[in-house]
Full PDB file with SEQRES, HELIX, SHEET, SSBOND, CRYST1, ORIGX, SCALE, CONECT and MASTER records, all heavy atoms in Angstrom:
SEQRES   1 A   39  ILE SER SER LEU ARG ASP ILE THR PRO SER ASP THR ARG          
SEQRES   2 A   39  ILE VAL PHE VAL VAL ALA THR SER LEU MET THR ARG ARG          
SEQRES   3 A   39  GLN TRP HIS ARG GLN ARG LEU HIS LEU VAL LEU SER ALA          
HELIX    1 AA1 SER A    2  LEU A    4  5                                   3    
HELIX    2 AA2 THR A   20  THR A   24  1                                   5    
HELIX    3 AA3 ARG A   30  SER A   38  1                                   9    
CRYST1    1.000    1.000    1.000  90.00  90.00  90.00 P 1           1          
ORIGX1      1.000000  0.000000  0.000000        0.00000                         
ORIGX2      0.000000  1.000000  0.000000        0.00000                         
ORIGX3      0.000000  0.000000  1.000000        0.00000                         
SCALE1      1.000000  0.000000  0.000000        0.00000                         
SCALE2      0.000000  1.000000  0.000000        0.00000                         
SCALE3      0.000000  0.000000  1.000000        0.00000                         
ATOM      1  N   ILE A   1       3.317 -34.183  80.711  1.00  0.00           N  
ATOM      2  CA  ILE A   1       2.381 -33.540  81.629  1.00  0.00           C  
ATOM      3  C   ILE A   1       2.548 -34.147  83.023  1.00  0.00           C  
ATOM      4  O   ILE A   1       2.954 -35.298  83.179  1.00  0.00           O  
ATOM      5  CB  ILE A   1       0.918 -33.661  81.154  1.00  0.00           C  
ATOM      6  CG1 ILE A   1       0.460 -35.115  81.059  1.00  0.00           C  
ATOM      7  CG2 ILE A   1       0.728 -32.932  79.832  1.00  0.00           C  
ATOM      8  CD1 ILE A   1      -1.024 -35.272  80.755  1.00  0.00           C  
ATOM      9  N   SER A   2       2.217 -33.361  84.029  1.00  0.00           N  
ATOM     10  CA  SER A   2       2.514 -33.749  85.409  1.00  0.00           C  
ATOM     11  C   SER A   2       1.845 -35.047  85.828  1.00  0.00           C  
ATOM     12  O   SER A   2       2.405 -35.807  86.631  1.00  0.00           O  
ATOM     13  CB  SER A   2       2.108 -32.618  86.358  1.00  0.00           C  
ATOM     14  OG  SER A   2       0.746 -32.272  86.177  1.00  0.00           O  
ATOM     15  N   SER A   3       0.678 -35.360  85.313  1.00  0.00           N  
ATOM     16  CA  SER A   3      -0.031 -36.582  85.715  1.00  0.00           C  
ATOM     17  C   SER A   3       0.593 -37.844  85.131  1.00  0.00           C  
ATOM     18  O   SER A   3       0.307 -38.954  85.604  1.00  0.00           O  
ATOM     19  CB  SER A   3      -1.500 -36.497  85.295  1.00  0.00           C  
ATOM     20  OG  SER A   3      -1.597 -36.271  83.904  1.00  0.00           O  
ATOM     21  N   LEU A   4       1.427 -37.711  84.098  1.00  0.00           N  
ATOM     22  CA  LEU A   4       2.046 -38.880  83.467  1.00  0.00           C  
ATOM     23  C   LEU A   4       3.504 -39.068  83.881  1.00  0.00           C  
ATOM     24  O   LEU A   4       4.158 -40.006  83.417  1.00  0.00           O  
ATOM     25  CB  LEU A   4       1.956 -38.773  81.937  1.00  0.00           C  
ATOM     26  CG  LEU A   4       0.541 -38.816  81.341  1.00  0.00           C  
ATOM     27  CD1 LEU A   4       0.602 -38.717  79.831  1.00  0.00           C  
ATOM     28  CD2 LEU A   4      -0.195 -40.081  81.755  1.00  0.00           C  
ATOM     29  N   ARG A   5       3.994 -38.219  84.741  1.00  0.00           N  
ATOM     30  CA  ARG A   5       5.373 -38.382  85.212  1.00  0.00           C  
ATOM     31  C   ARG A   5       5.464 -39.558  86.198  1.00  0.00           C  
ATOM     32  O   ARG A   5       4.552 -39.802  86.986  1.00  0.00           O  
ATOM     33  CB  ARG A   5       5.843 -37.116  85.917  1.00  0.00           C  
ATOM     34  CG  ARG A   5       6.127 -35.951  84.991  1.00  0.00           C  
ATOM     35  CD  ARG A   5       6.526 -34.737  85.809  1.00  0.00           C  
ATOM     36  NE  ARG A   5       6.952 -33.629  84.957  1.00  0.00           N  
ATOM     37  CZ  ARG A   5       7.230 -32.423  85.424  1.00  0.00           C  
ATOM     38  NH1 ARG A   5       7.148 -32.179  86.719  1.00  0.00           N  
ATOM     39  NH2 ARG A   5       7.608 -31.461  84.606  1.00  0.00           N  
ATOM     40  N   ASP A   6       6.556 -40.245  86.148  1.00  0.00           N  
ATOM     41  CA  ASP A   6       6.871 -41.285  87.141  1.00  0.00           C  
ATOM     42  C   ASP A   6       5.801 -42.363  87.244  1.00  0.00           C  
ATOM     43  O   ASP A   6       5.511 -42.874  88.323  1.00  0.00           O  
ATOM     44  CB  ASP A   6       7.097 -40.650  88.530  1.00  0.00           C  
ATOM     45  CG  ASP A   6       8.171 -39.580  88.512  1.00  0.00           C  
ATOM     46  OD1 ASP A   6       9.186 -39.782  87.818  1.00  0.00           O  
ATOM     47  OD2 ASP A   6       7.999 -38.542  89.162  1.00  0.00           O  
ATOM     48  N   ILE A   7       5.189 -42.712  86.119  1.00  0.00           N  
ATOM     49  CA  ILE A   7       4.233 -43.814  86.118  1.00  0.00           C  
ATOM     50  C   ILE A   7       4.760 -44.928  85.218  1.00  0.00           C  
ATOM     51  O   ILE A   7       5.599 -44.692  84.338  1.00  0.00           O  
ATOM     52  CB  ILE A   7       2.832 -43.380  85.636  1.00  0.00           C  
ATOM     53  CG1 ILE A   7       2.883 -42.918  84.166  1.00  0.00           C  
ATOM     54  CG2 ILE A   7       2.265 -42.271  86.518  1.00  0.00           C  
ATOM     55  CD1 ILE A   7       1.523 -42.714  83.551  1.00  0.00           C  
ATOM     56  N   THR A   8       4.278 -46.124  85.441  1.00  0.00           N  
ATOM     57  CA  THR A   8       4.691 -47.276  84.634  1.00  0.00           C  
ATOM     58  C   THR A   8       3.456 -48.080  84.246  1.00  0.00           C  
ATOM     59  O   THR A   8       2.410 -47.987  84.904  1.00  0.00           O  
ATOM     60  CB  THR A   8       5.635 -48.192  85.430  1.00  0.00           C  
ATOM     61  OG1 THR A   8       4.914 -48.763  86.543  1.00  0.00           O  
ATOM     62  CG2 THR A   8       6.842 -47.416  85.950  1.00  0.00           C  
ATOM     63  N   PRO A   9       3.564 -48.864  83.180  1.00  0.00           N  
ATOM     64  CA  PRO A   9       2.425 -49.704  82.791  1.00  0.00           C  
ATOM     65  C   PRO A   9       1.991 -50.695  83.869  1.00  0.00           C  
ATOM     66  O   PRO A   9       0.846 -51.153  83.868  1.00  0.00           O  
ATOM     67  CB  PRO A   9       2.951 -50.435  81.545  1.00  0.00           C  
ATOM     68  CG  PRO A   9       4.001 -49.533  80.987  1.00  0.00           C  
ATOM     69  CD  PRO A   9       4.651 -48.919  82.189  1.00  0.00           C  
ATOM     70  N   SER A  10       2.879 -50.996  84.799  1.00  0.00           N  
ATOM     71  CA  SER A  10       2.536 -51.984  85.830  1.00  0.00           C  
ATOM     72  C   SER A  10       1.634 -51.419  86.909  1.00  0.00           C  
ATOM     73  O   SER A  10       0.938 -52.181  87.599  1.00  0.00           O  
ATOM     74  CB  SER A  10       3.811 -52.541  86.459  1.00  0.00           C  
ATOM     75  OG  SER A  10       4.526 -51.503  87.126  1.00  0.00           O  
ATOM     76  N   ASP A  11       1.629 -50.070  87.068  1.00  0.00           N  
ATOM     77  CA  ASP A  11       0.826 -49.521  88.163  1.00  0.00           C  
ATOM     78  C   ASP A  11      -0.235 -48.528  87.712  1.00  0.00           C  
ATOM     79  O   ASP A  11      -0.968 -47.981  88.528  1.00  0.00           O  
ATOM     80  CB  ASP A  11       1.739 -48.851  89.207  1.00  0.00           C  
ATOM     81  CG  ASP A  11       2.531 -47.670  88.647  1.00  0.00           C  
ATOM     82  OD1 ASP A  11       2.186 -47.166  87.565  1.00  0.00           O  
ATOM     83  OD2 ASP A  11       3.510 -47.258  89.297  1.00  0.00           O  
ATOM     84  N   THR A  12      -0.330 -48.281  86.403  1.00  0.00           N  
ATOM     85  CA  THR A  12      -1.229 -47.230  85.927  1.00  0.00           C  
ATOM     86  C   THR A  12      -1.956 -47.651  84.650  1.00  0.00           C  
ATOM     87  O   THR A  12      -1.351 -48.196  83.726  1.00  0.00           O  
ATOM     88  CB  THR A  12      -0.443 -45.932  85.628  1.00  0.00           C  
ATOM     89  OG1 THR A  12       0.295 -45.551  86.790  1.00  0.00           O  
ATOM     90  CG2 THR A  12      -1.386 -44.803  85.235  1.00  0.00           C  
ATOM     91  N   ARG A  13      -3.237 -47.382  84.622  1.00  0.00           N  
ATOM     92  CA  ARG A  13      -4.038 -47.510  83.399  1.00  0.00           C  
ATOM     93  C   ARG A  13      -4.389 -46.099  82.925  1.00  0.00           C  
ATOM     94  O   ARG A  13      -4.624 -45.203  83.736  1.00  0.00           O  
ATOM     95  CB  ARG A  13      -5.302 -48.318  83.670  1.00  0.00           C  
ATOM     96  CG  ARG A  13      -6.227 -48.466  82.445  1.00  0.00           C  
ATOM     97  CD  ARG A  13      -7.441 -49.323  82.756  1.00  0.00           C  
ATOM     98  NE  ARG A  13      -7.088 -50.749  82.813  1.00  0.00           N  
ATOM     99  CZ  ARG A  13      -7.029 -51.465  83.914  1.00  0.00           C  
ATOM    100  NH1 ARG A  13      -7.286 -50.889  85.094  1.00  0.00           N  
ATOM    101  NH2 ARG A  13      -6.694 -52.739  83.883  1.00  0.00           N  
ATOM    102  N   ILE A  14      -4.425 -45.879  81.633  1.00  0.00           N  
ATOM    103  CA  ILE A  14      -4.741 -44.574  81.063  1.00  0.00           C  
ATOM    104  C   ILE A  14      -6.173 -44.592  80.542  1.00  0.00           C  
ATOM    105  O   ILE A  14      -6.603 -45.569  79.925  1.00  0.00           O  
ATOM    106  CB  ILE A  14      -3.782 -44.215  79.910  1.00  0.00           C  
ATOM    107  CG1 ILE A  14      -2.318 -44.459  80.314  1.00  0.00           C  
ATOM    108  CG2 ILE A  14      -4.004 -42.768  79.468  1.00  0.00           C  
ATOM    109  CD1 ILE A  14      -1.820 -43.577  81.424  1.00  0.00           C  
ATOM    110  N   VAL A  15      -6.886 -43.508  80.774  1.00  0.00           N  
ATOM    111  CA  VAL A  15      -8.256 -43.418  80.259  1.00  0.00           C  
ATOM    112  C   VAL A  15      -8.435 -42.113  79.483  1.00  0.00           C  
ATOM    113  O   VAL A  15      -8.006 -41.044  79.915  1.00  0.00           O  
ATOM    114  CB  VAL A  15      -9.297 -43.532  81.393  1.00  0.00           C  
ATOM    115  CG1 VAL A  15      -9.071 -42.492  82.486  1.00  0.00           C  
ATOM    116  CG2 VAL A  15     -10.710 -43.419  80.839  1.00  0.00           C  
ATOM    117  N   PHE A  16      -9.022 -42.239  78.300  1.00  0.00           N  
ATOM    118  CA  PHE A  16      -9.448 -41.108  77.478  1.00  0.00           C  
ATOM    119  C   PHE A  16     -10.964 -41.180  77.354  1.00  0.00           C  
ATOM    120  O   PHE A  16     -11.503 -42.250  77.026  1.00  0.00           O  
ATOM    121  CB  PHE A  16      -8.843 -41.171  76.077  1.00  0.00           C  
ATOM    122  CG  PHE A  16      -7.360 -40.971  76.017  1.00  0.00           C  
ATOM    123  CD1 PHE A  16      -6.484 -42.005  76.301  1.00  0.00           C  
ATOM    124  CD2 PHE A  16      -6.833 -39.735  75.670  1.00  0.00           C  
ATOM    125  CE1 PHE A  16      -5.110 -41.834  76.228  1.00  0.00           C  
ATOM    126  CE2 PHE A  16      -5.462 -39.540  75.593  1.00  0.00           C  
ATOM    127  CZ  PHE A  16      -4.592 -40.591  75.877  1.00  0.00           C  
ATOM    128  N   VAL A  17     -11.647 -40.074  77.600  1.00  0.00           N  
ATOM    129  CA  VAL A  17     -13.104 -40.045  77.455  1.00  0.00           C  
ATOM    130  C   VAL A  17     -13.471 -39.069  76.341  1.00  0.00           C  
ATOM    131  O   VAL A  17     -13.131 -37.874  76.408  1.00  0.00           O  
ATOM    132  CB  VAL A  17     -13.802 -39.623  78.764  1.00  0.00           C  
ATOM    133  CG1 VAL A  17     -15.308 -39.506  78.543  1.00  0.00           C  
ATOM    134  CG2 VAL A  17     -13.504 -40.632  79.877  1.00  0.00           C  
ATOM    135  N   VAL A  18     -14.157 -39.578  75.325  1.00  0.00           N  
ATOM    136  CA  VAL A  18     -14.731 -38.731  74.279  1.00  0.00           C  
ATOM    137  C   VAL A  18     -16.174 -38.465  74.677  1.00  0.00           C  
ATOM    138  O   VAL A  18     -17.012 -39.366  74.635  1.00  0.00           O  
ATOM    139  CB  VAL A  18     -14.661 -39.420  72.906  1.00  0.00           C  
ATOM    140  CG1 VAL A  18     -15.342 -38.557  71.845  1.00  0.00           C  
ATOM    141  CG2 VAL A  18     -13.219 -39.704  72.523  1.00  0.00           C  
ATOM    142  N   ALA A  19     -16.469 -37.255  75.108  1.00  0.00           N  
ATOM    143  CA  ALA A  19     -17.812 -36.901  75.580  1.00  0.00           C  
ATOM    144  C   ALA A  19     -18.630 -36.381  74.408  1.00  0.00           C  
ATOM    145  O   ALA A  19     -18.396 -35.276  73.906  1.00  0.00           O  
ATOM    146  CB  ALA A  19     -17.714 -35.851  76.682  1.00  0.00           C  
ATOM    147  N   THR A  20     -19.586 -37.180  73.965  1.00  0.00           N  
ATOM    148  CA  THR A  20     -20.347 -36.812  72.761  1.00  0.00           C  
ATOM    149  C   THR A  20     -21.223 -35.589  72.988  1.00  0.00           C  
ATOM    150  O   THR A  20     -21.538 -34.866  72.033  1.00  0.00           O  
ATOM    151  CB  THR A  20     -21.217 -37.994  72.292  1.00  0.00           C  
ATOM    152  OG1 THR A  20     -22.102 -38.386  73.348  1.00  0.00           O  
ATOM    153  CG2 THR A  20     -20.342 -39.178  71.893  1.00  0.00           C  
ATOM    154  N   SER A  21     -21.603 -35.308  74.235  1.00  0.00           N  
ATOM    155  CA  SER A  21     -22.416 -34.111  74.499  1.00  0.00           C  
ATOM    156  C   SER A  21     -21.652 -32.841  74.152  1.00  0.00           C  
ATOM    157  O   SER A  21     -22.241 -31.847  73.716  1.00  0.00           O  
ATOM    158  CB  SER A  21     -22.851 -34.076  75.964  1.00  0.00           C  
ATOM    159  OG  SER A  21     -21.729 -34.026  76.819  1.00  0.00           O  
ATOM    160  N   LEU A  22     -20.331 -32.861  74.330  1.00  0.00           N  
ATOM    161  CA  LEU A  22     -19.517 -31.702  73.968  1.00  0.00           C  
ATOM    162  C   LEU A  22     -19.472 -31.513  72.459  1.00  0.00           C  
ATOM    163  O   LEU A  22     -19.312 -30.386  71.964  1.00  0.00           O  
ATOM    164  CB  LEU A  22     -18.096 -31.863  74.512  1.00  0.00           C  
ATOM    165  CG  LEU A  22     -17.935 -31.871  76.034  1.00  0.00           C  
ATOM    166  CD1 LEU A  22     -16.473 -32.103  76.408  1.00  0.00           C  
ATOM    167  CD2 LEU A  22     -18.442 -30.578  76.652  1.00  0.00           C  
ATOM    168  N   MET A  23     -19.616 -32.596  71.729  1.00  0.00           N  
ATOM    169  CA  MET A  23     -19.562 -32.519  70.270  1.00  0.00           C  
ATOM    170  C   MET A  23     -20.873 -32.001  69.685  1.00  0.00           C  
ATOM    171  O   MET A  23     -20.889 -31.397  68.609  1.00  0.00           O  
ATOM    172  CB  MET A  23     -19.254 -33.899  69.684  1.00  0.00           C  
ATOM    173  CG  MET A  23     -17.905 -34.454  70.116  1.00  0.00           C  
ATOM    174  SD  MET A  23     -17.713 -36.213  69.714  1.00  0.00           S  
ATOM    175  CE  MET A  23     -17.797 -36.179  67.925  1.00  0.00           C  
ATOM    176  N   THR A  24     -21.977 -32.240  70.392  1.00  0.00           N  
ATOM    177  CA  THR A  24     -23.282 -31.931  69.823  1.00  0.00           C  
ATOM    178  C   THR A  24     -23.834 -30.568  70.223  1.00  0.00           C  
ATOM    179  O   THR A  24     -24.692 -30.024  69.533  1.00  0.00           O  
ATOM    180  CB  THR A  24     -24.314 -33.000  70.239  1.00  0.00           C  
ATOM    181  OG1 THR A  24     -24.392 -33.029  71.675  1.00  0.00           O  
ATOM    182  CG2 THR A  24     -23.919 -34.372  69.742  1.00  0.00           C  
ATOM    183  N   ARG A  25     -23.344 -30.009  71.323  1.00  0.00           N  
ATOM    184  CA  ARG A  25     -24.015 -28.818  71.847  1.00  0.00           C  
ATOM    185  C   ARG A  25     -23.574 -27.523  71.191  1.00  0.00           C  
ATOM    186  O   ARG A  25     -24.181 -26.473  71.414  1.00  0.00           O  
ATOM    187  CB  ARG A  25     -23.801 -28.737  73.355  1.00  0.00           C  
ATOM    188  CG  ARG A  25     -22.410 -28.307  73.786  1.00  0.00           C  
ATOM    189  CD  ARG A  25     -22.275 -28.332  75.298  1.00  0.00           C  
ATOM    190  NE  ARG A  25     -20.987 -27.823  75.744  1.00  0.00           N  
ATOM    191  CZ  ARG A  25     -20.561 -27.935  76.987  1.00  0.00           C  
ATOM    192  NH1 ARG A  25     -21.311 -28.557  77.883  1.00  0.00           N  
ATOM    193  NH2 ARG A  25     -19.390 -27.440  77.339  1.00  0.00           N  
ATOM    194  N   ARG A  26     -22.524 -27.541  70.378  1.00  0.00           N  
ATOM    195  CA  ARG A  26     -22.049 -26.344  69.701  1.00  0.00           C  
ATOM    196  C   ARG A  26     -21.864 -26.614  68.209  1.00  0.00           C  
ATOM    197  O   ARG A  26     -21.727 -27.763  67.794  1.00  0.00           O  
ATOM    198  CB  ARG A  26     -20.702 -25.884  70.276  1.00  0.00           C  
ATOM    199  CG  ARG A  26     -20.746 -25.274  71.667  1.00  0.00           C  
ATOM    200  CD  ARG A  26     -19.335 -24.947  72.105  1.00  0.00           C  
ATOM    201  NE  ARG A  26     -19.236 -24.278  73.375  1.00  0.00           N  
ATOM    202  CZ  ARG A  26     -19.208 -22.961  73.548  1.00  0.00           C  
ATOM    203  NH1 ARG A  26     -19.295 -22.176  72.492  1.00  0.00           N  
ATOM    204  NH2 ARG A  26     -19.090 -22.429  74.753  1.00  0.00           N  
ATOM    205  N   GLN A  27     -21.819 -25.540  67.432  1.00  0.00           N  
ATOM    206  CA  GLN A  27     -21.570 -25.673  65.999  1.00  0.00           C  
ATOM    207  C   GLN A  27     -20.069 -25.550  65.753  1.00  0.00           C  
ATOM    208  O   GLN A  27     -19.555 -24.567  65.254  1.00  0.00           O  
ATOM    209  CB  GLN A  27     -22.331 -24.604  65.205  1.00  0.00           C  
ATOM    210  CG  GLN A  27     -22.348 -24.883  63.711  1.00  0.00           C  
ATOM    211  CD  GLN A  27     -23.100 -23.833  62.937  1.00  0.00           C  
ATOM    212  OE1 GLN A  27     -22.942 -22.641  63.176  1.00  0.00           O  
ATOM    213  NE2 GLN A  27     -23.925 -24.261  61.997  1.00  0.00           N  
ATOM    214  N   TRP A  28     -19.338 -26.624  66.091  1.00  0.00           N  
ATOM    215  CA  TRP A  28     -17.895 -26.618  65.965  1.00  0.00           C  
ATOM    216  C   TRP A  28     -17.457 -26.631  64.505  1.00  0.00           C  
ATOM    217  O   TRP A  28     -18.128 -27.211  63.649  1.00  0.00           O  
ATOM    218  CB  TRP A  28     -17.300 -27.859  66.633  1.00  0.00           C  
ATOM    219  CG  TRP A  28     -17.572 -27.993  68.090  1.00  0.00           C  
ATOM    220  CD1 TRP A  28     -18.448 -28.858  68.684  1.00  0.00           C  
ATOM    221  CD2 TRP A  28     -16.982 -27.248  69.159  1.00  0.00           C  
ATOM    222  NE1 TRP A  28     -18.428 -28.700  70.052  1.00  0.00           N  
ATOM    223  CE2 TRP A  28     -17.537 -27.719  70.372  1.00  0.00           C  
ATOM    224  CE3 TRP A  28     -16.024 -26.232  69.213  1.00  0.00           C  
ATOM    225  CZ2 TRP A  28     -17.173 -27.207  71.614  1.00  0.00           C  
ATOM    226  CZ3 TRP A  28     -15.664 -25.717  70.453  1.00  0.00           C  
ATOM    227  CH2 TRP A  28     -16.238 -26.204  71.633  1.00  0.00           C  
ATOM    228  N   HIS A  29     -16.326 -26.032  64.242  1.00  0.00           N  
ATOM    229  CA  HIS A  29     -15.677 -26.228  62.948  1.00  0.00           C  
ATOM    230  C   HIS A  29     -15.201 -27.676  62.894  1.00  0.00           C  
ATOM    231  O   HIS A  29     -14.621 -28.196  63.847  1.00  0.00           O  
ATOM    232  CB  HIS A  29     -14.488 -25.278  62.799  1.00  0.00           C  
ATOM    233  CG  HIS A  29     -14.009 -25.146  61.391  1.00  0.00           C  
ATOM    234  ND1 HIS A  29     -13.424 -26.194  60.691  1.00  0.00           N  
ATOM    235  CD2 HIS A  29     -14.015 -24.090  60.537  1.00  0.00           C  
ATOM    236  CE1 HIS A  29     -13.089 -25.782  59.483  1.00  0.00           C  
ATOM    237  NE2 HIS A  29     -13.442 -24.503  59.360  1.00  0.00           N  
ATOM    238  N   ARG A  30     -15.444 -28.312  61.787  1.00  0.00           N  
ATOM    239  CA  ARG A  30     -15.115 -29.728  61.683  1.00  0.00           C  
ATOM    240  C   ARG A  30     -13.623 -29.998  61.915  1.00  0.00           C  
ATOM    241  O   ARG A  30     -13.244 -30.984  62.548  1.00  0.00           O  
ATOM    242  CB  ARG A  30     -15.538 -30.259  60.308  1.00  0.00           C  
ATOM    243  CG  ARG A  30     -15.408 -31.776  60.191  1.00  0.00           C  
ATOM    244  CD  ARG A  30     -15.877 -32.274  58.836  1.00  0.00           C  
ATOM    245  NE  ARG A  30     -15.786 -33.733  58.813  1.00  0.00           N  
ATOM    246  CZ  ARG A  30     -16.766 -34.561  59.121  1.00  0.00           C  
ATOM    247  NH1 ARG A  30     -17.944 -34.069  59.495  1.00  0.00           N  
ATOM    248  NH2 ARG A  30     -16.602 -35.874  59.079  1.00  0.00           N  
ATOM    249  N   GLN A  31     -12.774 -29.114  61.417  1.00  0.00           N  
ATOM    250  CA  GLN A  31     -11.337 -29.327  61.589  1.00  0.00           C  
ATOM    251  C   GLN A  31     -10.921 -29.177  63.053  1.00  0.00           C  
ATOM    252  O   GLN A  31      -9.990 -29.836  63.507  1.00  0.00           O  
ATOM    253  CB  GLN A  31     -10.549 -28.361  60.706  1.00  0.00           C  
ATOM    254  CG  GLN A  31     -10.681 -28.679  59.224  1.00  0.00           C  
ATOM    255  CD  GLN A  31      -9.831 -27.779  58.360  1.00  0.00           C  
ATOM    256  OE1 GLN A  31      -8.744 -27.392  58.730  1.00  0.00           O  
ATOM    257  NE2 GLN A  31     -10.338 -27.443  57.174  1.00  0.00           N  
ATOM    258  N   ARG A  32     -11.599 -28.313  63.786  1.00  0.00           N  
ATOM    259  CA  ARG A  32     -11.292 -28.162  65.214  1.00  0.00           C  
ATOM    260  C   ARG A  32     -11.598 -29.452  65.967  1.00  0.00           C  
ATOM    261  O   ARG A  32     -10.799 -29.927  66.776  1.00  0.00           O  
ATOM    262  CB  ARG A  32     -12.087 -26.994  65.794  1.00  0.00           C  
ATOM    263  CG  ARG A  32     -11.986 -26.880  67.307  1.00  0.00           C  
ATOM    264  CD  ARG A  32     -12.088 -25.437  67.754  1.00  0.00           C  
ATOM    265  NE  ARG A  32     -12.402 -25.295  69.162  1.00  0.00           N  
ATOM    266  CZ  ARG A  32     -11.631 -25.685  70.171  1.00  0.00           C  
ATOM    267  NH1 ARG A  32     -10.480 -26.290  69.934  1.00  0.00           N  
ATOM    268  NH2 ARG A  32     -12.002 -25.493  71.415  1.00  0.00           N  
ATOM    269  N   LEU A  33     -12.761 -30.029  65.712  1.00  0.00           N  
ATOM    270  CA  LEU A  33     -13.104 -31.306  66.335  1.00  0.00           C  
ATOM    271  C   LEU A  33     -12.129 -32.394  65.915  1.00  0.00           C  
ATOM    272  O   LEU A  33     -11.664 -33.186  66.739  1.00  0.00           O  
ATOM    273  CB  LEU A  33     -14.525 -31.715  65.946  1.00  0.00           C  
ATOM    274  CG  LEU A  33     -15.689 -31.221  66.791  1.00  0.00           C  
ATOM    275  CD1 LEU A  33     -16.977 -31.841  66.286  1.00  0.00           C  
ATOM    276  CD2 LEU A  33     -15.498 -31.525  68.268  1.00  0.00           C  
ATOM    277  N   HIS A  34     -11.843 -32.457  64.631  1.00  0.00           N  
ATOM    278  CA  HIS A  34     -10.976 -33.522  64.115  1.00  0.00           C  
ATOM    279  C   HIS A  34      -9.580 -33.425  64.735  1.00  0.00           C  
ATOM    280  O   HIS A  34      -8.982 -34.455  65.097  1.00  0.00           O  
ATOM    281  CB  HIS A  34     -10.895 -33.423  62.592  1.00  0.00           C  
ATOM    282  CG  HIS A  34     -10.317 -34.646  61.948  1.00  0.00           C  
ATOM    283  ND1 HIS A  34     -11.068 -35.486  61.151  1.00  0.00           N  
ATOM    284  CD2 HIS A  34      -9.072 -35.192  61.985  1.00  0.00           C  
ATOM    285  CE1 HIS A  34     -10.302 -36.477  60.722  1.00  0.00           C  
ATOM    286  NE2 HIS A  34      -9.081 -36.320  61.221  1.00  0.00           N  
ATOM    287  N   LEU A  35      -9.058 -32.207  64.854  1.00  0.00           N  
ATOM    288  CA  LEU A  35      -7.738 -32.030  65.459  1.00  0.00           C  
ATOM    289  C   LEU A  35      -7.679 -32.652  66.847  1.00  0.00           C  
ATOM    290  O   LEU A  35      -6.798 -33.457  67.149  1.00  0.00           O  
ATOM    291  CB  LEU A  35      -7.402 -30.542  65.549  1.00  0.00           C  
ATOM    292  CG  LEU A  35      -6.187 -30.202  66.430  1.00  0.00           C  
ATOM    293  CD1 LEU A  35      -4.901 -30.686  65.786  1.00  0.00           C  
ATOM    294  CD2 LEU A  35      -6.132 -28.708  66.733  1.00  0.00           C  
ATOM    295  N   VAL A  36      -8.608 -32.285  67.704  1.00  0.00           N  
ATOM    296  CA  VAL A  36      -8.570 -32.742  69.098  1.00  0.00           C  
ATOM    297  C   VAL A  36      -8.773 -34.249  69.176  1.00  0.00           C  
ATOM    298  O   VAL A  36      -8.019 -34.959  69.858  1.00  0.00           O  
ATOM    299  CB  VAL A  36      -9.632 -31.997  69.930  1.00  0.00           C  
ATOM    300  CG1 VAL A  36      -9.681 -32.564  71.348  1.00  0.00           C  
ATOM    301  CG2 VAL A  36      -9.337 -30.502  69.968  1.00  0.00           C  
ATOM    302  N   LEU A  37      -9.765 -34.759  68.454  1.00  0.00           N  
ATOM    303  CA  LEU A  37     -10.084 -36.186  68.557  1.00  0.00           C  
ATOM    304  C   LEU A  37      -8.981 -37.056  67.952  1.00  0.00           C  
ATOM    305  O   LEU A  37      -8.620 -38.104  68.508  1.00  0.00           O  
ATOM    306  CB  LEU A  37     -11.423 -36.467  67.886  1.00  0.00           C  
ATOM    307  CG  LEU A  37     -12.632 -35.842  68.572  1.00  0.00           C  
ATOM    308  CD1 LEU A  37     -13.880 -35.998  67.708  1.00  0.00           C  
ATOM    309  CD2 LEU A  37     -12.871 -36.461  69.951  1.00  0.00           C  
ATOM    310  N   SER A  38      -8.445 -36.649  66.819  1.00  0.00           N  
ATOM    311  CA  SER A  38      -7.390 -37.464  66.208  1.00  0.00           C  
ATOM    312  C   SER A  38      -6.100 -37.387  67.021  1.00  0.00           C  
ATOM    313  O   SER A  38      -5.379 -38.385  67.153  1.00  0.00           O  
ATOM    314  CB  SER A  38      -7.136 -37.038  64.757  1.00  0.00           C  
ATOM    315  OG  SER A  38      -6.720 -35.689  64.682  1.00  0.00           O  
ATOM    316  N   ALA A  39      -5.801 -36.215  67.592  1.00  0.00           N  
ATOM    317  CA  ALA A  39      -4.616 -36.101  68.438  1.00  0.00           C  
ATOM    318  C   ALA A  39      -4.772 -36.957  69.694  1.00  0.00           C  
ATOM    319  O   ALA A  39      -3.808 -37.594  70.147  1.00  0.00           O  
ATOM    320  CB  ALA A  39      -4.377 -34.642  68.809  1.00  0.00           C  
TER     321      ALA A  39                                                      
MASTER        0    0    0    3    0    0    0    6  320    1    0    3          
END                                                                             
C-alpha cells in the first residue's frame, strides 16, 4: 500500500487501532469481524 512504501523501521512506527465502538454499534456476522481483526 502507498503509505508503507519507502519506509524503514528506523524512521517509522506502525499503528493499528481497533475501535470497539465499530464492533458494538452493528450486528456484525462473527466471521466478518474475526476476518478483519485477525488479518
